[in-house]
Amino acid sequence: MASNGNRFALIAMGTAGMLLLLAGCQSAPKERSSLTDWQAQGKKICAIRSSVTQDACVYSYVMREGIQSEFPEAARYKGRQCTLEVAYGKNHRYSVLSTAGDEALCLKAWSLVSSNDNLPPPPPTLSGHTIVTVAPR
């Protein structure tokens, strides 16, 4: 069971993810971006649009972009949304604890999170659990 502090952090991360999703992050480049690109873009967006810490906001943005960038058929999932609760383990990999949203998208996102070696570890100031909302464009 998560403590109140961890629960607040999870809610804050989910809120940050939703804010970024709703804030029109569609301005991201169409070309395949790198972790550095996502961090820079996340810092710009989070500096003006987030009510949580910049570390938490940028991390949420980078996680979402890292997952969404791996969708080979993004158009197939356009308009759909999936929220994942993920945990970063001692093995330096993420595991999905739960999902909510479009079933097909969630299954694909679950697979991508479990097999993606390019997702960043959480910042030291955050717990290993986070909420990520994906909605391929």
C-alpha atoms as a PDB file:
ATOM      1  CA  MET A   1       0.000   0.000   0.000  1.00  0.00           C
ATOM      2  CA  ALA A   2       1.430   3.392  -0.965  1.00  0.00           C
ATOM      3  CA  SER A   3       1.915   6.003   1.731  1.00  0.00           C
ATOM      4  CA  ASN A   4       0.050   9.292   1.514  1.00  0.00           C
ATOM      5  CA  GLY A   5       3.196  11.000   0.192  1.00  0.00           C
ATOM      6  CA  ASN A   6       3.629   8.402  -2.559  1.00  0.00           C
ATOM      7  CA  ARG A   7      -0.087   8.547  -3.348  1.00  0.00           C
ATOM      8  CA  PHE A   8       0.168  12.329  -3.711  1.00  0.00           C
ATOM      9  CA  ALA A   9       3.208  11.937  -5.963  1.00  0.00           C
ATOM     10  CA  LEU A  10       1.316   9.421  -8.141  1.00  0.00           C
ATOM     11  CA  ILE A  11      -1.676  11.734  -8.386  1.00  0.00           C
ATOM     12  CA  ALA A  12       0.599  14.693  -9.166  1.00  0.00           C
ATOM     13  CA  MET A  13       2.386  12.712 -11.891  1.00  0.00           C
ATOM     14  CA  GLY A  14      -0.936  11.625 -13.397  1.00  0.00           C
ATOM     15  CA  THR A  15      -2.185  15.190 -13.265  1.00  0.00           C
ATOM     16  CA  ALA A  16       1.011  16.439 -14.909  1.00  0.00           C
ATOM     17  CA  GLY A  17       0.627  13.840 -17.634  1.00  0.00           C
ATOM     18  CA  MET A  18      -2.968  14.823 -18.258  1.00  0.00           C
ATOM     19  CA  LEU A  19      -2.075  18.523 -18.281  1.00  0.00           C
ATOM     20  CA  LEU A  20       0.642  17.901 -20.823  1.00  0.00           C
ATOM     21  CA  LEU A  21      -1.683  15.769 -22.899  1.00  0.00           C
ATOM     22  CA  LEU A  22      -4.402  18.404 -22.858  1.00  0.00           C
ATOM     23  CA  ALA A  23      -1.961  21.278 -23.314  1.00  0.00           C
ATOM     24  CA  GLY A  24      -1.463  20.504 -26.962  1.00  0.00           C
ATOM     25  CA  CYS A  25       1.897  18.776 -27.028  1.00  0.00           C
ATOM     26  CA  GLN A  26       1.183  18.023 -30.670  1.00  0.00           C
ATOM     27  CA  SER A  27       3.869  20.545 -31.549  1.00  0.00           C
ATOM     28  CA  ALA A  28       6.513  17.865 -30.971  1.00  0.00           C
ATOM     29  CA  PRO A  29       8.643  17.145 -34.033  1.00  0.00           C
ATOM     30  CA  LYS A  30       7.372  14.492 -36.452  1.00  0.00           C
ATOM     31  CA  GLU A  31      10.859  12.982 -36.794  1.00  0.00           C
ATOM     32  CA  ARG A  32      12.012  10.373 -34.298  1.00  0.00           C
ATOM     33  CA  SER A  33      13.234  12.318 -31.290  1.00  0.00           C
ATOM     34  CA  SER A  34      15.821  11.399 -28.701  1.00  0.00           C
ATOM     35  CA  LEU A  35      15.733  11.422 -24.924  1.00  0.00           C
ATOM     36  CA  THR A  36      17.635  14.723 -24.991  1.00  0.00           C
ATOM     37  CA  ASP A  37      15.051  16.247 -27.343  1.00  0.00           C
ATOM     38  CA  TRP A  38      12.181  15.082 -25.118  1.00  0.00           C
ATOM     39  CA  GLN A  39      13.859  16.475 -22.008  1.00  0.00           C
ATOM     40  CA  ALA A  40      14.399  19.860 -23.658  1.00  0.00           C
ATOM     41  CA  GLN A  41      10.817  19.999 -24.946  1.00  0.00           C
ATOM     42  CA  GLY A  42       9.474  18.848 -21.582  1.00  0.00           C
ATOM     43  CA  LYS A  43      11.416  21.574 -19.757  1.00  0.00           C
ATOM     44  CA  LYS A  44       9.931  24.235 -22.037  1.00  0.00           C
ATOM     45  CA  ILE A  45       6.377  22.984 -21.595  1.00  0.00           C
ATOM     46  CA  CYS A  46       6.709  22.340 -17.866  1.00  0.00           C
ATOM     47  CA  ALA A  47       8.196  25.769 -17.203  1.00  0.00           C
ATOM     48  CA  ILE A  48       4.934  27.440 -18.169  1.00  0.00           C
ATOM     49  CA  ARG A  49       2.171  24.866 -17.827  1.00  0.00           C
ATOM     50  CA  SER A  50       2.718  22.663 -14.803  1.00  0.00           C
ATOM     51  CA  SER A  51       1.560  22.821 -11.204  1.00  0.00           C
ATOM     52  CA  VAL A  52       3.981  20.070 -10.077  1.00  0.00           C
ATOM     53  CA  THR A  53       7.765  20.136  -9.722  1.00  0.00           C
ATOM     54  CA  GLN A  54       9.725  20.507 -12.929  1.00  0.00           C
ATOM     55  CA  ASP A  55      11.497  17.158 -12.344  1.00  0.00           C
ATOM     56  CA  ALA A  56       8.154  15.355 -12.048  1.00  0.00           C
ATOM     57  CA  CYS A  57       6.671  17.156 -15.031  1.00  0.00           C
ATOM     58  CA  VAL A  58       9.669  16.576 -17.323  1.00  0.00           C
ATOM     59  CA  TYR A  59       9.891  12.926 -16.251  1.00  0.00           C
ATOM     60  CA  SER A  60       6.196  12.412 -17.028  1.00  0.00           C
ATOM     61  CA  TYR A  61       6.620  14.064 -20.427  1.00  0.00           C
ATOM     62  CA  VAL A  62       9.734  12.031 -21.304  1.00  0.00           C
ATOM     63  CA  MET A  63       8.078   8.767 -20.240  1.00  0.00           C
ATOM     64  CA  ARG A  64       5.003   9.464 -22.352  1.00  0.00           C
ATOM     65  CA  GLU A  65       7.023  10.489 -25.403  1.00  0.00           C
ATOM     66  CA  GLY A  66       9.346   7.492 -24.966  1.00  0.00           C
ATOM     67  CA  ILE A  67       6.388   5.127 -25.043  1.00  0.00           C
ATOM     68  CA  GLN A  68       4.437   6.897 -27.789  1.00  0.00           C
ATOM     69  CA  SER A  69       7.490   7.110 -30.054  1.00  0.00           C
ATOM     70  CA  GLU A  70       7.568   3.316 -30.220  1.00  0.00           C
ATOM     71  CA  PHE A  71       4.059   2.939 -31.678  1.00  0.00           C
ATOM     72  CA  PRO A  72       4.637   1.715 -35.243  1.00  0.00           C
ATOM     73  CA  GLU A  73       0.979   2.195 -36.172  1.00  0.00           C
ATOM     74  CA  ALA A  74       0.136   5.351 -34.218  1.00  0.00           C
ATOM     75  CA  ALA A  75      -2.679   6.293 -36.610  1.00  0.00           C
ATOM     76  CA  ARG A  76      -4.479   3.091 -35.650  1.00  0.00           C
ATOM     77  CA  TYR A  77      -4.699   4.305 -32.042  1.00  0.00           C
ATOM     78  CA  LYS A  78      -5.427   7.977 -32.736  1.00  0.00           C
ATOM     79  CA  GLY A  79      -8.149   9.318 -30.445  1.00  0.00           C
ATOM     80  CA  ARG A  80      -7.626   6.534 -27.911  1.00  0.00           C
ATOM     81  CA  GLN A  81      -6.064   6.875 -24.479  1.00  0.00           C
ATOM     82  CA  CYS A  82      -4.489   4.581 -21.894  1.00  0.00           C
ATOM     83  CA  THR A  83      -3.260   5.351 -18.396  1.00  0.00           C
ATOM     84  CA  LEU A  84      -0.574   3.055 -17.015  1.00  0.00           C
ATOM     85  CA  GLU A  85       0.736   2.717 -13.484  1.00  0.00           C
ATOM     86  CA  VAL A  86       4.349   1.623 -13.773  1.00  0.00           C
ATOM     87  CA  ALA A  87       7.094   0.747 -11.310  1.00  0.00           C
ATOM     88  CA  TYR A  88      10.843   1.022 -11.829  1.00  0.00           C
ATOM     89  CA  GLY A  89      12.554  -2.042 -10.421  1.00  0.00           C
ATOM     90  CA  LYS A  90      15.955  -2.875  -9.022  1.00  0.00           C
ATOM     91  CA  ASN A  91      16.683  -4.550 -12.364  1.00  0.00           C
ATOM     92  CA  HIS A  92      16.542  -1.035 -13.947  1.00  0.00           C
ATOM     93  CA  ARG A  93      13.441  -1.917 -15.969  1.00  0.00           C
ATOM     94  CA  TYR A  94       9.820  -0.862 -15.771  1.00  0.00           C
ATOM     95  CA  SER A  95       6.924  -3.156 -15.056  1.00  0.00           C
ATOM     96  CA  VAL A  96       3.271  -2.267 -15.545  1.00  0.00           C
ATOM     97  CA  LEU A  97       1.173  -2.557 -12.391  1.00  0.00           C
ATOM     98  CA  SER A  98      -2.196  -1.571 -13.885  1.00  0.00           C
ATOM     99  CA  THR A  99      -3.843   0.012 -16.908  1.00  0.00           C
ATOM    100  CA  ALA A 100      -7.062   1.907 -17.593  1.00  0.00           C
ATOM    101  CA  GLY A 101      -8.473   3.015 -20.919  1.00  0.00           C
ATOM    102  CA  ASP A 102      -8.704   1.592 -24.412  1.00  0.00           C
ATOM    103  CA  GLU A 103      -7.966  -2.133 -24.181  1.00  0.00           C
ATOM    104  CA  ALA A 104      -6.060  -2.502 -27.467  1.00  0.00           C
ATOM    105  CA  LEU A 105      -3.949   0.582 -26.790  1.00  0.00           C
ATOM    106  CA  CYS A 106      -3.257  -0.514 -23.211  1.00  0.00           C
ATOM    107  CA  LEU A 107      -2.084  -3.952 -24.353  1.00  0.00           C
ATOM    108  CA  LYS A 108       0.283  -2.370 -26.873  1.00  0.00           C
ATOM    109  CA  ALA A 109       1.530   0.208 -24.341  1.00  0.00           C
ATOM    110  CA  TRP A 110       2.064  -2.543 -21.737  1.00  0.00           C
ATOM    111  CA  SER A 111       4.181  -4.469 -24.220  1.00  0.00           C
ATOM    112  CA  LEU A 112       6.199  -1.388 -25.160  1.00  0.00           C
ATOM    113  CA  VAL A 113       6.919  -0.411 -21.546  1.00  0.00           C
ATOM    114  CA  SER A 114       8.027  -3.921 -20.667  1.00  0.00           C
ATOM    115  CA  SER A 115      10.416  -4.182 -23.609  1.00  0.00           C
ATOM    116  CA  ASN A 116      11.678  -0.589 -23.935  1.00  0.00           C
ATOM    117  CA  ASP A 117      15.310  -0.140 -22.866  1.00  0.00           C
ATOM    118  CA  ASN A 118      15.310   3.600 -23.615  1.00  0.00           C
ATOM    119  CA  LEU A 119      12.985   4.830 -20.874  1.00  0.00           C
ATOM    120  CA  PRO A 120      14.780   6.958 -18.283  1.00  0.00           C
ATOM    121  CA  PRO A 121      14.958   6.033 -14.601  1.00  0.00           C
ATOM    122  CA  PRO A 122      12.858   8.195 -12.301  1.00  0.00           C
ATOM    123  CA  PRO A 123      14.562  11.262 -10.817  1.00  0.00           C
ATOM    124  CA  PRO A 124      15.962  10.636  -7.322  1.00  0.00           C
ATOM    125  CA  THR A 125      13.311  12.946  -5.862  1.00  0.00           C
ATOM    126  CA  LEU A 126      10.477  10.674  -7.043  1.00  0.00           C
ATOM    127  CA  SER A 127       9.439   7.182  -6.022  1.00  0.00           C
ATOM    128  CA  GLY A 128       9.801   4.321  -8.469  1.00  0.00           C
ATOM    129  CA  HIS A 129       6.035   4.351  -9.159  1.00  0.00           C
ATOM    130  CA  THR A 130       4.470   6.672 -11.688  1.00  0.00           C
ATOM    131  CA  ILE A 131       1.340   7.192 -13.750  1.00  0.00           C
ATOM    132  CA  VAL A 132       1.761   7.707 -17.499  1.00  0.00           C
ATOM    133  CA  THR A 133      -1.049   8.565 -19.896  1.00  0.00           C
ATOM    134  CA  VAL A 134      -0.470   7.800 -23.564  1.00  0.00           C
ATOM    135  CA  ALA A 135      -2.576   8.931 -26.505  1.00  0.00           C
ATOM    136  CA  PRO A 136      -0.809   8.403 -29.832  1.00  0.00           C
ATOM    137  CA  ARG A 137      -1.242  11.166 -32.363  1.00  0.00           C
END
